[in-house]
Amino acid sequence: MLCEIRVEGQMSRTMTEAFPELESCVVFGQTLLFGQVVDEAHLYGLLARFQSLGPHVVEMRRLAP
């Protein structure tokens, strides 16, 4: 499934590199990360990575199956 994750503020290059499977860009003061999420375990792994690194996730949504 294709997912989009919005993070508050602009993430550093080092921080976005912690998510190599996702593309990123900055939109209206938020960092937008998007890409294929293979399954539910992958999604939970991404969210755990966000939690451990500290950026505030504002929104996560599924864009396509």
PDB file of N, CA and C in Angstrom:
ATOM      1  N   MET A   1       0.834  -1.179   0.000  1.00  0.00           N
ATOM      2  CA  MET A   1       0.000   0.000   0.000  1.00  0.00           C
ATOM      3  C   MET A   1       0.879   1.242   0.000  1.00  0.00           C
ATOM      4  N   LEU A   2       0.400   2.296  -0.628  1.00  0.00           N
ATOM      5  CA  LEU A   2       1.114   3.560  -0.656  1.00  0.00           C
ATOM      6  C   LEU A   2       0.647   4.404   0.520  1.00  0.00           C
ATOM      7  N   CYS A   3       1.591   4.880   1.329  1.00  0.00           N
ATOM      8  CA  CYS A   3       1.256   5.656   2.528  1.00  0.00           C
ATOM      9  C   CYS A   3       1.947   7.004   2.508  1.00  0.00           C
ATOM     10  N   GLU A   4       1.334   7.938   3.231  1.00  0.00           N
ATOM     11  CA  GLU A   4       1.885   9.274   3.409  1.00  0.00           C
ATOM     12  C   GLU A   4       1.937   9.552   4.906  1.00  0.00           C
ATOM     13  N   ILE A   5       3.067  10.051   5.371  1.00  0.00           N
ATOM     14  CA  ILE A   5       3.237  10.383   6.782  1.00  0.00           C
ATOM     15  C   ILE A   5       3.683  11.833   6.861  1.00  0.00           C
ATOM     16  N   ARG A   6       2.934  12.653   7.600  1.00  0.00           N
ATOM     17  CA  ARG A   6       3.286  14.066   7.776  1.00  0.00           C
ATOM     18  C   ARG A   6       3.882  14.261   9.160  1.00  0.00           C
ATOM     19  N   VAL A   7       5.002  14.973   9.173  1.00  0.00           N
ATOM     20  CA  VAL A   7       5.731  15.216  10.414  1.00  0.00           C
ATOM     21  C   VAL A   7       5.812  16.725  10.631  1.00  0.00           C
ATOM     22  N   GLU A   8       5.634  17.145  11.864  1.00  0.00           N
ATOM     23  CA  GLU A   8       5.707  18.564  12.211  1.00  0.00           C
ATOM     24  C   GLU A   8       7.118  19.091  11.974  1.00  0.00           C
ATOM     25  N   GLY A   9       7.230  20.221  11.281  1.00  0.00           N
ATOM     26  CA  GLY A   9       8.523  20.859  11.056  1.00  0.00           C
ATOM     27  C   GLY A   9       9.312  20.227   9.927  1.00  0.00           C
ATOM     28  N   GLN A  10      10.501  20.743   9.725  1.00  0.00           N
ATOM     29  CA  GLN A  10      11.382  20.252   8.682  1.00  0.00           C
ATOM     30  C   GLN A  10      12.402  19.291   9.285  1.00  0.00           C
ATOM     31  N   MET A  11      12.347  18.034   8.859  1.00  0.00           N
ATOM     32  CA  MET A  11      13.293  17.039   9.346  1.00  0.00           C
ATOM     33  C   MET A  11      14.648  17.268   8.686  1.00  0.00           C
ATOM     34  N   SER A  12      15.708  17.025   9.416  1.00  0.00           N
ATOM     35  CA  SER A  12      17.058  17.154   8.857  1.00  0.00           C
ATOM     36  C   SER A  12      17.301  16.046   7.834  1.00  0.00           C
ATOM     37  N   ARG A  13      18.308  16.251   7.027  1.00  0.00           N
ATOM     38  CA  ARG A  13      18.677  15.243   6.038  1.00  0.00           C
ATOM     39  C   ARG A  13      19.046  13.929   6.726  1.00  0.00           C
ATOM     40  N   THR A  14      19.787  14.016   7.822  1.00  0.00           N
ATOM     41  CA  THR A  14      20.178  12.828   8.581  1.00  0.00           C
ATOM     42  C   THR A  14      18.948  12.068   9.063  1.00  0.00           C
ATOM     43  N   MET A  15      17.945  12.811   9.536  1.00  0.00           N
ATOM     44  CA  MET A  15      16.721  12.183  10.033  1.00  0.00           C
ATOM     45  C   MET A  15      15.946  11.503   8.895  1.00  0.00           C
ATOM     46  N   THR A  16      15.812  12.172   7.749  1.00  0.00           N
ATOM     47  CA  THR A  16      15.078  11.548   6.641  1.00  0.00           C
ATOM     48  C   THR A  16      15.813  10.328   6.103  1.00  0.00           C
ATOM     49  N   GLU A  17      17.136  10.320   6.219  1.00  0.00           N
ATOM     50  CA  GLU A  17      17.914   9.157   5.774  1.00  0.00           C
ATOM     51  C   GLU A  17      17.682   7.936   6.662  1.00  0.00           C
ATOM     52  N   ALA A  18      17.087   8.137   7.825  1.00  0.00           N
ATOM     53  CA  ALA A  18      16.729   7.017   8.705  1.00  0.00           C
ATOM     54  C   ALA A  18      15.519   6.255   8.152  1.00  0.00           C
ATOM     55  N   PHE A  19      14.915   6.797   7.084  1.00  0.00           N
ATOM     56  CA  PHE A  19      13.755   6.173   6.443  1.00  0.00           C
ATOM     57  C   PHE A  19      14.055   5.993   4.954  1.00  0.00           C
ATOM     58  N   PRO A  20      15.018   5.123   4.617  1.00  0.00           N
ATOM     59  CA  PRO A  20      15.458   4.993   3.218  1.00  0.00           C
ATOM     60  C   PRO A  20      14.373   4.491   2.273  1.00  0.00           C
ATOM     61  N   GLU A  21      13.367   3.831   2.800  1.00  0.00           N
ATOM     62  CA  GLU A  21      12.305   3.298   1.946  1.00  0.00           C
ATOM     63  C   GLU A  21      11.262   4.354   1.593  1.00  0.00           C
ATOM     64  N   LEU A  22      11.376   5.561   2.160  1.00  0.00           N
ATOM     65  CA  LEU A  22      10.406   6.622   1.914  1.00  0.00           C
ATOM     66  C   LEU A  22      11.052   7.819   1.234  1.00  0.00           C
ATOM     67  N   GLU A  23      10.316   8.430   0.329  1.00  0.00           N
ATOM     68  CA  GLU A  23      10.719   9.698  -0.283  1.00  0.00           C
ATOM     69  C   GLU A  23      10.279  10.800   0.668  1.00  0.00           C
ATOM     70  N   SER A  24      10.887  11.976   0.571  1.00  0.00           N
ATOM     71  CA  SER A  24      10.484  13.062   1.459  1.00  0.00           C
ATOM     72  C   SER A  24      10.545  14.402   0.749  1.00  0.00           C
ATOM     73  N   CYS A  25       9.729  15.330   1.230  1.00  0.00           N
ATOM     74  CA  CYS A  25       9.754  16.717   0.774  1.00  0.00           C
ATOM     75  C   CYS A  25       9.144  17.565   1.889  1.00  0.00           C
ATOM     76  N   VAL A  26       9.356  18.872   1.805  1.00  0.00           N
ATOM     77  CA  VAL A  26       8.815  19.789   2.807  1.00  0.00           C
ATOM     78  C   VAL A  26       7.664  20.562   2.169  1.00  0.00           C
ATOM     79  N   VAL A  27       6.513  20.572   2.858  1.00  0.00           N
ATOM     80  CA  VAL A  27       5.322  21.250   2.370  1.00  0.00           C
ATOM     81  C   VAL A  27       4.700  22.028   3.519  1.00  0.00           C
ATOM     82  N   PHE A  28       4.579  23.335   3.363  1.00  0.00           N
ATOM     83  CA  PHE A  28       3.929  24.188   4.359  1.00  0.00           C
ATOM     84  C   PHE A  28       4.442  23.949   5.784  1.00  0.00           C
ATOM     85  N   GLY A  29       5.756  23.874   5.935  1.00  0.00           N
ATOM     86  CA  GLY A  29       6.347  23.732   7.261  1.00  0.00           C
ATOM     87  C   GLY A  29       6.258  22.344   7.863  1.00  0.00           C
ATOM     88  N   GLN A  30       5.862  21.375   7.054  1.00  0.00           N
ATOM     89  CA  GLN A  30       5.820  19.984   7.514  1.00  0.00           C
ATOM     90  C   GLN A  30       6.660  19.138   6.572  1.00  0.00           C
ATOM     91  N   THR A  31       7.234  18.068   7.101  1.00  0.00           N
ATOM     92  CA  THR A  31       7.943  17.120   6.247  1.00  0.00           C
ATOM     93  C   THR A  31       6.953  16.030   5.857  1.00  0.00           C
ATOM     94  N   LEU A  32       6.877  15.777   4.577  1.00  0.00           N
ATOM     95  CA  LEU A  32       5.983  14.768   4.026  1.00  0.00           C
ATOM     96  C   LEU A  32       6.834  13.594   3.566  1.00  0.00           C
ATOM     97  N   LEU A  33       6.586  12.428   4.143  1.00  0.00           N
ATOM     98  CA  LEU A  33       7.282  11.205   3.737  1.00  0.00           C
ATOM     99  C   LEU A  33       6.253  10.289   3.099  1.00  0.00           C
ATOM    100  N   PHE A  34       6.611   9.647   2.003  1.00  0.00           N
ATOM    101  CA  PHE A  34       5.654   8.792   1.310  1.00  0.00           C
ATOM    102  C   PHE A  34       6.376   7.650   0.612  1.00  0.00           C
ATOM    103  N   GLY A  35       5.650   6.557   0.457  1.00  0.00           N
ATOM    104  CA  GLY A  35       6.214   5.401  -0.219  1.00  0.00           C
ATOM    105  C   GLY A  35       5.425   4.140   0.063  1.00  0.00           C
ATOM    106  N   GLN A  36       5.923   3.055  -0.489  1.00  0.00           N
ATOM    107  CA  GLN A  36       5.273   1.754  -0.322  1.00  0.00           C
ATOM    108  C   GLN A  36       5.513   1.197   1.070  1.00  0.00           C
ATOM    109  N   VAL A  37       4.452   0.761   1.692  1.00  0.00           N
ATOM    110  CA  VAL A  37       4.522   0.048   2.965  1.00  0.00           C
ATOM    111  C   VAL A  37       4.032  -1.368   2.657  1.00  0.00           C
ATOM    112  N   VAL A  38       4.911  -2.323   2.879  1.00  0.00           N
ATOM    113  CA  VAL A  38       4.672  -3.701   2.450  1.00  0.00           C
ATOM    114  C   VAL A  38       3.513  -4.370   3.184  1.00  0.00           C
ATOM    115  N   ASP A  39       3.490  -4.210   4.499  1.00  0.00           N
ATOM    116  CA  ASP A  39       2.451  -4.853   5.298  1.00  0.00           C
ATOM    117  C   ASP A  39       2.322  -4.131   6.636  1.00  0.00           C
ATOM    118  N   GLU A  40       1.453  -4.652   7.477  1.00  0.00           N
ATOM    119  CA  GLU A  40       1.197  -4.026   8.775  1.00  0.00           C
ATOM    120  C   GLU A  40       2.446  -4.012   9.663  1.00  0.00           C
ATOM    121  N   ALA A  41       3.231  -5.057   9.614  1.00  0.00           N
ATOM    122  CA  ALA A  41       4.467  -5.119  10.411  1.00  0.00           C
ATOM    123  C   ALA A  41       5.440  -4.021   9.986  1.00  0.00           C
ATOM    124  N   HIS A  42       5.538  -3.775   8.695  1.00  0.00           N
ATOM    125  CA  HIS A  42       6.393  -2.705   8.176  1.00  0.00           C
ATOM    126  C   HIS A  42       5.896  -1.351   8.672  1.00  0.00           C
ATOM    127  N   LEU A  43       4.585  -1.145   8.644  1.00  0.00           N
ATOM    128  CA  LEU A  43       3.998   0.105   9.125  1.00  0.00           C
ATOM    129  C   LEU A  43       4.314   0.332  10.602  1.00  0.00           C
ATOM    130  N   TYR A  44       4.122  -0.691  11.414  1.00  0.00           N
ATOM    131  CA  TYR A  44       4.418  -0.558  12.845  1.00  0.00           C
ATOM    132  C   TYR A  44       5.909  -0.318  13.073  1.00  0.00           C
ATOM    133  N   GLY A  45       6.753  -0.920  12.254  1.00  0.00           N
ATOM    134  CA  GLY A  45       8.181  -0.680  12.354  1.00  0.00           C
ATOM    135  C   GLY A  45       8.540   0.769  12.039  1.00  0.00           C
ATOM    136  N   LEU A  46       7.901   1.339  11.006  1.00  0.00           N
ATOM    137  CA  LEU A  46       8.115   2.748  10.675  1.00  0.00           C
ATOM    138  C   LEU A  46       7.683   3.646  11.834  1.00  0.00           C
ATOM    139  N   LEU A  47       6.498   3.378  12.376  1.00  0.00           N
ATOM    140  CA  LEU A  47       5.994   4.197  13.480  1.00  0.00           C
ATOM    141  C   LEU A  47       6.890   4.085  14.710  1.00  0.00           C
ATOM    142  N   ALA A  48       7.420   2.901  14.975  1.00  0.00           N
ATOM    143  CA  ALA A  48       8.341   2.723  16.103  1.00  0.00           C
ATOM    144  C   ALA A  48       9.625   3.516  15.869  1.00  0.00           C
ATOM    145  N   ARG A  49      10.087   3.542  14.617  1.00  0.00           N
ATOM    146  CA  ARG A  49      11.282   4.320  14.286  1.00  0.00           C
ATOM    147  C   ARG A  49      11.040   5.807  14.519  1.00  0.00           C
ATOM    148  N   PHE A  50       9.861   6.298  14.110  1.00  0.00           N
ATOM    149  CA  PHE A  50       9.516   7.697  14.372  1.00  0.00           C
ATOM    150  C   PHE A  50       9.508   7.963  15.875  1.00  0.00           C
ATOM    151  N   GLN A  51       8.907   7.070  16.629  1.00  0.00           N
ATOM    152  CA  GLN A  51       8.816   7.254  18.074  1.00  0.00           C
ATOM    153  C   GLN A  51      10.211   7.301  18.712  1.00  0.00           C
ATOM    154  N   SER A  52      11.091   6.431  18.288  1.00  0.00           N
ATOM    155  CA  SER A  52      12.418   6.396  18.898  1.00  0.00           C
ATOM    156  C   SER A  52      13.284   7.585  18.490  1.00  0.00           C
ATOM    157  N   LEU A  53      13.057   8.139  17.295  1.00  0.00           N
ATOM    158  CA  LEU A  53      13.862   9.270  16.827  1.00  0.00           C
ATOM    159  C   LEU A  53      13.305  10.622  17.267  1.00  0.00           C
ATOM    160  N   GLY A  54      12.012  10.661  17.620  1.00  0.00           N
ATOM    161  CA  GLY A  54      11.452  11.862  18.210  1.00  0.00           C
ATOM    162  C   GLY A  54      10.622  12.812  17.384  1.00  0.00           C
ATOM    163  N   PRO A  55      10.599  12.754  16.034  1.00  0.00           N
ATOM    164  CA  PRO A  55       9.765  13.717  15.318  1.00  0.00           C
ATOM    165  C   PRO A  55       8.280  13.469  15.601  1.00  0.00           C
ATOM    166  N   HIS A  56       7.524  14.547  15.643  1.00  0.00           N
ATOM    167  CA  HIS A  56       6.091  14.468  15.951  1.00  0.00           C
ATOM    168  C   HIS A  56       5.296  14.169  14.681  1.00  0.00           C
ATOM    169  N   VAL A  57       4.695  12.973  14.613  1.00  0.00           N
ATOM    170  CA  VAL A  57       3.867  12.593  13.469  1.00  0.00           C
ATOM    171  C   VAL A  57       2.518  13.281  13.617  1.00  0.00           C
ATOM    172  N   VAL A  58       2.165  14.082  12.614  1.00  0.00           N
ATOM    173  CA  VAL A  58       0.917  14.824  12.622  1.00  0.00           C
ATOM    174  C   VAL A  58      -0.205  13.999  11.997  1.00  0.00           C
ATOM    175  N   GLU A  59       0.136  13.270  10.932  1.00  0.00           N
ATOM    176  CA  GLU A  59      -0.894  12.522  10.198  1.00  0.00           C
ATOM    177  C   GLU A  59      -0.239  11.368   9.452  1.00  0.00           C
ATOM    178  N   MET A  60      -0.957  10.267   9.374  1.00  0.00           N
ATOM    179  CA  MET A  60      -0.543   9.130   8.568  1.00  0.00           C
ATOM    180  C   MET A  60      -1.784   8.667   7.822  1.00  0.00           C
ATOM    181  N   ARG A  61      -1.642   8.497   6.501  1.00  0.00           N
ATOM    182  CA  ARG A  61      -2.804   8.011   5.747  1.00  0.00           C
ATOM    183  C   ARG A  61      -2.386   7.116   4.596  1.00  0.00           C
ATOM    184  N   ARG A  62      -3.306   6.270   4.256  1.00  0.00           N
ATOM    185  CA  ARG A  62      -3.134   5.338   3.155  1.00  0.00           C
ATOM    186  C   ARG A  62      -3.617   6.030   1.888  1.00  0.00           C
ATOM    187  N   LEU A  63      -2.770   6.046   0.856  1.00  0.00           N
ATOM    188  CA  LEU A  63      -3.133   6.696  -0.391  1.00  0.00           C
ATOM    189  C   LEU A  63      -3.690   5.736  -1.415  1.00  0.00           C
ATOM    190  N   ALA A  64      -3.182   4.511  -1.430  1.00  0.00           N
ATOM    191  CA  ALA A  64      -3.642   3.515  -2.397  1.00  0.00           C
ATOM    192  C   ALA A  64      -3.375   2.127  -1.843  1.00  0.00           C
ATOM    193  N   PRO A  65      -4.155   1.158  -2.338  1.00  0.00           N
ATOM    194  CA  PRO A  65      -3.963  -0.229  -1.883  1.00  0.00           C
ATOM    195  C   PRO A  65      -2.613  -0.799  -2.245  1.00  0.00           C
TER     196      PRO A  65
END
